[in-house]
Structures are given as C-alpha cells and as structure tokens.
Amino acid sequence: MPKHKTTMQIDDKLWKKFLGQVIKKHGTTKKQSAELEIAISEYLDRHKEEI
C-alpha cells in the first residue's frame, strides 16, 4: 500500500508520552510511524458510526 508523508503539529507532552509507549514496546522510536498508523486505524474503527 502506498504511504502518505505528512507533517502534523501535536502537543509536545502528548507526543513524548506516545514516544515513551513506542520505546517501551519496541525499544526504539523507529516504529513510531507504524504505531501511529495503528492508533489512527483503531480510532477510525471506534468511530465508524460518526463517519
């Protein structure tokens, strides 16, 4: 599947908490894009009715 490269502005504390979870799970931040993609997918699954 093709990937879309984007830039976002996210609250610094929120981003650091997210990266902390990525590091806890993978031992590195190199999987942050994959985890963000999972988080977006899960969000969309939970909010199907609203779309």
Protein backbone atom coordinates (compact mmCIF):
# COMPACT_ATOMS: atom_id res chain seq x y z
CA MET A 1 0.00 0.00 0.00
CA PRO A 2 1.38 3.47 -0.84
CA LYS A 3 2.24 5.70 2.11
CA HIS A 4 1.34 9.37 2.56
CA LYS A 5 4.03 11.53 4.11
CA THR A 6 2.63 14.34 6.25
CA THR A 7 3.56 16.93 8.85
CA MET A 8 1.48 17.44 11.99
CA GLN A 9 1.59 19.71 14.99
CA ILE A 10 0.99 17.72 18.18
CA ASP A 11 1.14 18.83 21.79
CA ASP A 12 4.71 18.23 22.99
CA LYS A 13 3.70 16.40 26.20
CA LEU A 14 1.28 14.15 24.30
CA TRP A 15 3.93 13.30 21.69
CA LYS A 16 6.52 12.49 24.36
CA LYS A 17 4.04 10.18 26.11
CA PHE A 18 3.32 8.47 22.78
CA LEU A 19 7.03 8.05 22.03
CA GLY A 20 7.54 6.66 25.53
CA GLN A 21 4.98 3.95 24.79
CA VAL A 22 6.63 3.19 21.44
CA ILE A 23 10.03 2.87 23.14
CA LYS A 24 8.52 0.67 25.86
CA LYS A 25 7.04 -1.66 23.23
CA HIS A 26 9.84 -1.69 20.63
CA GLY A 27 12.93 -0.45 22.45
CA THR A 28 13.33 2.35 19.87
CA THR A 29 11.37 5.19 18.28
CA LYS A 30 11.92 3.78 14.80
CA LYS A 31 8.45 2.17 14.84
CA GLN A 32 6.63 5.42 15.62
CA SER A 33 5.04 5.65 12.16
CA ALA A 34 3.72 2.10 12.36
CA GLU A 35 2.29 2.70 15.84
CA LEU A 36 0.70 5.98 14.77
CA GLU A 37 -0.89 4.21 11.80
CA ILE A 38 -2.29 1.56 14.19
CA ALA A 39 -3.62 4.28 16.52
CA ILE A 40 -5.37 6.09 13.65
CA SER A 41 -6.85 2.83 12.37
CA GLU A 42 -8.15 1.92 15.86
CA TYR A 43 -9.62 5.40 16.26
CA LEU A 44 -11.46 5.10 12.95
CA ASP A 45 -12.76 1.64 13.89
CA ARG A 46 -14.17 3.02 17.16
CA HIS A 47 -15.83 5.97 15.42
CA LYS A 48 -17.32 4.27 12.35
CA GLU A 49 -20.84 5.39 13.18
CA GLU A 50 -19.82 9.06 13.12
CA ILE A 51 -18.32 8.94 9.62
